[in-house]
Amino acid sequence: MTKHQGRFVWYELMTSDISAAENFYKSVVGWSAKDAGMPDMKYTIVSAGERMIAGLMTTPKEAEGMPPAWIGYIYADDVDATAKEIAAKGGKVHRQPDDIPNIGRFAVVADPHGAIFSIFSSASEGEPPADPMSPGHVGWHELMAGDLESAWSFYAQLFGWTKDEALDMGEMGTYQLFKINDQTAGGMMTKPKDLPAPPYWGFYFTVDAIDSAIERVNAGGGKVVMGPMEVPGGAWIINGVDPQGAYFSLVAPKR
C-alpha cells in the first residue's frame, strides 16, 4: 500500500460552460486558471498559488443529461483491481479503467447507493498533502449517503478509512467523521429524506472569510442554499450552486 492510498488527490467540475465556471470560481475561491493544452479537448486547470487543485471540463457526450457537478478522485494503488472490487461490493463502474497519457490511470465509479467518484493511480509520487484550511484548497469532503452504515463499511473496506468522532444530529441521525491516513478528512451521514438529490459527494473549498465569499457568490450569479452556519471547531460554512447549477460548498475560519 502506498502513502497515497485512499486520499482525495484531484477534483473535477463537469459543466455546461467552462469559461463562465472559470470566472465564477476564480472570483469566489481565488483560484488562478490555465488551459491544460490537451490536443483533443478543452480542459482548464485551477490552482491555489503554485499548487494545482482541480480541472474544469465540458460534460462529455457519454454523460449527456447529467447536470453540472463536481467529482472527486480517490487514489487507488491498483485502479483495475479496485474497479472490480467496487463492482463486486455492489457498486457500479460507469467508465472502465483507462489511461490518461503521461498522467495516470482512472475509472469513474459509484458506491452501492449511486454516489459517483473516480479512482486514480499514477507512477508519480505527487505532492504531500496540503493544509486543508489554506485558502483555495479543499477543506472538507462530505458524503450524503444512501445509508450511513453500509456506505461506511464500503469505503472503509475499499480504502482503509477509519472512524473519527460521531456527531449526534438529532432527528437527522449520526454525522460520522472519518480519517484518511490518520488525518480527519470529512464526514458522512444518511441523506435526509427531504433532500431532492440522489446520494452524492460534496466538497468544501476553503476561503478566508465566509461573509465576503457570500457576496462574491451572489455577485457572480451563484446562489447560497444553506448558511452561513457555524460548525464544531468554529469554522463557518455555506452550501450553494454555481451559475450552471453545480453544487459546491465553502468553508472559512471566520465570518
Protein backbone atom coordinates (compact mmCIF):
# COMPACT_ATOMS: atom_id res chain seq x y z
CA MET A 1 0.00 0.00 0.00
CA THR A 2 1.37 3.42 -0.96
CA LYS A 3 1.12 6.53 1.20
CA HIS A 4 -1.46 7.92 -1.24
CA GLN A 5 -3.94 5.03 -0.98
CA GLY A 6 -7.40 6.33 -0.12
CA ARG A 7 -6.54 10.03 -0.38
CA PHE A 8 -8.57 12.51 -2.39
CA VAL A 9 -5.99 13.70 -4.93
CA TRP A 10 -7.98 15.63 -7.55
CA TYR A 11 -11.32 17.29 -8.18
CA GLU A 12 -13.13 17.89 -11.45
CA LEU A 13 -16.07 20.00 -12.49
CA MET A 14 -18.12 18.76 -15.43
CA THR A 15 -20.09 21.77 -16.61
CA SER A 16 -22.02 23.28 -19.49
CA ASP A 17 -19.89 26.44 -19.73
CA ILE A 18 -16.19 26.19 -18.84
CA SER A 19 -15.41 29.89 -19.33
CA ALA A 20 -18.28 31.04 -17.12
CA ALA A 21 -17.41 28.47 -14.44
CA GLU A 22 -13.75 29.54 -14.55
CA ASN A 23 -14.67 33.18 -13.97
CA PHE A 24 -17.04 32.29 -11.13
CA TYR A 25 -14.61 30.13 -9.16
CA LYS A 26 -11.66 32.45 -9.76
CA SER A 27 -13.70 35.20 -8.14
CA VAL A 28 -15.28 33.17 -5.34
CA VAL A 29 -12.41 30.87 -4.31
CA GLY A 30 -9.45 32.90 -5.55
CA TRP A 31 -8.06 30.28 -7.92
CA SER A 32 -5.88 31.05 -10.92
CA ALA A 33 -6.59 29.18 -14.14
CA LYS A 34 -4.78 27.98 -17.24
CA ASP A 35 -5.54 25.76 -20.20
CA ALA A 36 -4.09 22.26 -19.85
CA GLY A 37 -3.06 22.18 -23.51
CA MET A 38 -4.79 18.91 -24.31
CA PRO A 39 -4.89 18.36 -28.10
CA ASP A 40 -8.38 16.83 -28.31
CA MET A 41 -10.38 18.72 -25.66
CA LYS A 42 -10.54 21.90 -23.63
CA TYR A 43 -9.51 21.26 -20.04
CA THR A 44 -8.86 24.12 -17.62
CA ILE A 45 -6.68 23.63 -14.54
CA VAL A 46 -7.32 25.80 -11.49
CA SER A 47 -4.66 26.34 -8.85
CA ALA A 48 -4.14 27.77 -5.38
CA GLY A 49 -0.79 29.51 -5.65
CA GLU A 50 1.52 27.06 -7.40
CA ARG A 51 -0.50 24.01 -6.43
CA MET A 52 -2.95 22.54 -8.92
CA ILE A 53 -6.28 21.77 -7.28
CA ALA A 54 -8.88 20.81 -9.87
CA GLY A 55 -9.89 20.63 -13.52
CA LEU A 56 -12.86 22.08 -15.39
CA MET A 57 -14.27 20.35 -18.45
CA THR A 58 -17.37 20.25 -20.61
CA THR A 59 -19.67 17.40 -19.66
CA PRO A 60 -18.71 14.56 -22.04
CA LYS A 61 -21.16 13.03 -24.50
CA GLU A 62 -21.36 9.76 -22.56
CA ALA A 63 -22.68 11.77 -19.58
CA GLU A 64 -25.16 13.89 -21.54
CA GLY A 65 -28.22 14.65 -19.47
CA MET A 66 -26.26 14.72 -16.22
CA PRO A 67 -26.45 18.13 -14.55
CA PRO A 68 -23.18 20.04 -13.92
CA ALA A 69 -21.39 18.50 -10.95
CA TRP A 70 -18.12 18.23 -9.06
CA ILE A 71 -16.47 14.81 -8.77
CA GLY A 72 -13.61 13.73 -6.51
CA TYR A 73 -10.72 11.44 -7.43
CA ILE A 74 -9.60 8.97 -4.77
CA TYR A 75 -6.17 7.38 -5.10
CA ALA A 76 -6.19 3.60 -5.56
CA ASP A 77 -2.92 1.69 -5.81
CA ASP A 78 -4.44 -0.60 -8.44
CA VAL A 79 -7.27 1.03 -10.40
CA ASP A 80 -8.26 -2.14 -12.29
CA ALA A 81 -8.44 -4.32 -9.18
CA THR A 82 -10.28 -1.61 -7.24
CA ALA A 83 -12.86 -1.19 -10.01
CA LYS A 84 -13.53 -4.94 -9.92
CA GLU A 85 -13.84 -4.83 -6.14
CA ILE A 86 -16.29 -1.91 -6.34
CA ALA A 87 -18.50 -3.91 -8.73
CA ALA A 88 -18.25 -6.98 -6.51
CA LYS A 89 -19.34 -4.94 -3.49
CA GLY A 90 -22.48 -3.74 -5.25
CA GLY A 91 -21.14 -0.52 -6.75
CA LYS A 92 -21.04 0.38 -10.42
CA VAL A 93 -18.26 1.11 -12.91
CA HIS A 94 -19.54 3.92 -15.15
CA ARG A 95 -16.30 4.19 -17.12
CA GLN A 96 -13.92 1.25 -17.28
CA PRO A 97 -10.27 1.80 -16.29
CA ASP A 98 -8.41 3.82 -18.88
CA ASP A 99 -5.12 5.66 -19.25
CA ILE A 100 -4.63 9.43 -19.21
CA PRO A 101 -1.47 9.76 -21.36
CA ASN A 102 1.56 10.81 -19.31
CA ILE A 103 -0.65 11.31 -16.24
CA GLY A 104 -2.01 8.06 -14.82
CA ARG A 105 -4.91 5.62 -14.91
CA PHE A 106 -8.50 6.22 -13.81
CA ALA A 107 -12.06 4.91 -13.74
CA VAL A 108 -15.41 6.54 -12.97
CA VAL A 109 -17.40 4.56 -10.43
CA ALA A 110 -20.25 4.76 -7.92
CA ASP A 111 -20.87 3.29 -4.49
CA PRO A 112 -23.78 0.86 -3.98
CA HIS A 113 -26.20 3.75 -3.40
CA GLY A 114 -25.15 5.67 -6.53
CA ALA A 115 -22.77 8.34 -5.20
CA ILE A 116 -20.26 8.93 -8.00
CA PHE A 117 -16.49 9.31 -7.62
CA SER A 118 -13.38 8.46 -9.59
CA ILE A 119 -10.40 6.30 -8.71
CA PHE A 120 -6.92 7.20 -9.90
CA SER A 121 -3.34 5.98 -9.79
CA SER A 122 -0.06 7.35 -11.10
CA ALA A 123 3.59 6.40 -11.22
CA SER A 124 4.40 9.89 -9.91
CA GLU A 125 4.99 10.39 -6.21
CA GLY A 126 2.85 13.55 -6.29
CA GLU A 127 2.85 16.31 -3.72
CA PRO A 128 2.45 15.81 0.04
CA PRO A 129 -0.96 16.74 1.47
CA ALA A 130 -1.51 20.47 1.95
CA ASP A 131 -3.13 22.19 4.93
CA PRO A 132 -6.85 21.76 4.11
CA MET A 133 -7.67 25.14 5.66
CA SER A 134 -5.30 27.02 3.35
CA PRO A 135 -7.33 29.29 1.03
CA GLY A 136 -8.09 27.64 -2.29
CA HIS A 137 -7.66 24.09 -1.02
CA VAL A 138 -10.36 21.53 -0.27
CA GLY A 139 -11.10 21.76 3.43
CA TRP A 140 -13.72 19.01 3.81
CA HIS A 141 -15.23 16.03 1.98
CA GLU A 142 -18.84 15.15 2.68
CA LEU A 143 -20.92 12.17 1.63
CA MET A 144 -24.69 12.36 1.72
CA ALA A 145 -25.06 8.59 1.75
CA GLY A 146 -27.88 6.31 0.81
CA ASP A 147 -27.32 4.57 4.13
CA LEU A 148 -24.58 5.56 6.56
CA GLU A 149 -23.82 2.13 8.00
CA SER A 150 -23.43 0.28 4.70
CA ALA A 151 -21.73 3.23 2.97
CA TRP A 152 -19.18 3.46 5.77
CA SER A 153 -18.42 -0.24 5.50
CA PHE A 154 -17.96 0.07 1.72
CA TYR A 155 -15.44 2.94 1.85
CA ALA A 156 -13.59 1.69 4.92
CA GLN A 157 -13.01 -1.74 3.36
CA LEU A 158 -12.12 -0.26 -0.02
CA PHE A 159 -9.71 2.47 1.06
CA GLY A 160 -8.77 1.80 4.67
CA TRP A 161 -10.50 4.88 6.07
CA THR A 162 -11.01 4.95 9.83
CA LYS A 163 -13.70 6.45 12.04
CA ASP A 164 -13.23 9.69 13.91
CA GLU A 165 -15.85 11.37 16.10
CA ALA A 166 -19.54 10.58 15.56
CA LEU A 167 -21.81 13.62 15.97
CA ASP A 168 -25.43 13.22 17.06
CA MET A 169 -27.56 15.31 14.69
CA GLY A 170 -30.85 14.59 16.43
CA GLU A 171 -33.63 13.59 14.04
CA MET A 172 -31.17 13.75 11.13
CA GLY A 173 -29.17 10.89 12.62
CA THR A 174 -25.41 10.49 13.01
CA TYR A 175 -22.77 12.51 11.22
CA GLN A 176 -19.71 10.24 11.09
CA LEU A 177 -16.35 11.96 10.76
CA PHE A 178 -13.62 9.91 9.08
CA LYS A 179 -9.86 9.89 8.81
CA ILE A 180 -7.63 9.20 5.82
CA ASN A 181 -4.10 8.21 6.82
CA ASP A 182 -4.82 9.37 10.39
CA GLN A 183 -5.93 12.85 9.29
CA THR A 184 -9.55 13.95 9.68
CA ALA A 185 -10.76 14.49 6.11
CA GLY A 186 -14.54 14.68 6.11
CA GLY A 187 -17.85 13.30 7.26
CA MET A 188 -20.79 11.25 6.06
CA MET A 189 -24.39 10.75 7.04
CA THR A 190 -27.56 9.20 5.67
CA LYS A 191 -29.02 11.68 3.20
CA PRO A 192 -32.06 13.48 4.65
CA LYS A 193 -35.28 12.22 3.09
CA ASP A 194 -36.36 15.73 2.12
CA LEU A 195 -33.14 16.45 0.20
CA PRO A 196 -34.12 16.34 -3.51
CA ALA A 197 -30.98 14.67 -4.82
CA PRO A 198 -29.52 11.18 -5.09
CA PRO A 199 -26.61 10.27 -2.77
CA TYR A 200 -23.58 12.41 -3.60
CA TRP A 201 -20.13 13.60 -2.57
CA GLY A 202 -19.75 17.31 -1.79
CA PHE A 203 -16.56 19.34 -1.44
CA TYR A 204 -15.87 22.39 0.70
CA PHE A 205 -13.43 24.89 -0.81
CA THR A 206 -11.56 26.98 1.76
CA VAL A 207 -11.83 30.78 1.69
CA ASP A 208 -10.55 33.45 4.09
CA ALA A 209 -13.91 34.65 5.40
CA ILE A 210 -17.43 33.42 4.72
CA ASP A 211 -19.40 36.69 4.55
CA SER A 212 -17.23 38.26 1.85
CA ALA A 213 -17.31 34.95 -0.05
CA ILE A 214 -21.13 35.01 0.04
CA GLU A 215 -21.02 38.47 -1.56
CA ARG A 216 -18.82 37.09 -4.35
CA VAL A 217 -21.14 34.11 -4.88
CA ASN A 218 -24.14 36.41 -5.27
CA ALA A 219 -22.28 38.89 -7.47
CA GLY A 220 -21.13 36.06 -9.73
CA GLY A 221 -24.61 34.69 -10.35
CA GLY A 222 -24.43 31.78 -7.90
CA LYS A 223 -26.88 31.07 -5.10
CA VAL A 224 -26.42 30.22 -1.43
CA VAL A 225 -28.90 27.48 -0.50
CA MET A 226 -27.81 26.97 3.13
CA GLY A 227 -25.86 29.06 5.62
CA PRO A 228 -23.84 30.75 6.78
CA MET A 229 -23.61 28.26 9.62
CA GLU A 230 -21.01 27.75 12.32
CA VAL A 231 -19.81 24.15 12.71
CA PRO A 232 -18.00 22.37 15.56
CA GLY A 233 -14.46 23.71 15.80
CA GLY A 234 -15.53 27.27 15.00
CA ALA A 235 -15.39 27.26 11.18
CA TRP A 236 -18.19 28.72 9.04
CA ILE A 237 -19.76 27.06 6.02
CA ILE A 238 -22.23 27.60 3.22
CA ASN A 239 -23.72 25.28 0.60
CA GLY A 240 -24.50 26.73 -2.80
CA VAL A 241 -24.96 26.22 -6.52
CA ASP A 242 -22.88 27.90 -9.20
CA PRO A 243 -24.42 29.72 -12.20
CA GLN A 244 -24.53 26.50 -14.24
CA GLY A 245 -26.21 24.56 -11.43
CA ALA A 246 -23.30 22.61 -9.91
CA TYR A 247 -23.50 22.10 -6.15
CA PHE A 248 -20.48 23.34 -4.15
CA SER A 249 -19.63 24.35 -0.60
CA LEU A 250 -17.30 26.82 1.09
CA VAL A 251 -15.61 26.73 4.48
CA ALA A 252 -13.79 29.55 6.27
CA PRO A 253 -12.13 30.00 9.67
CA LYS A 254 -14.18 33.16 10.33
CA ARG A 255 -17.28 35.12 9.32
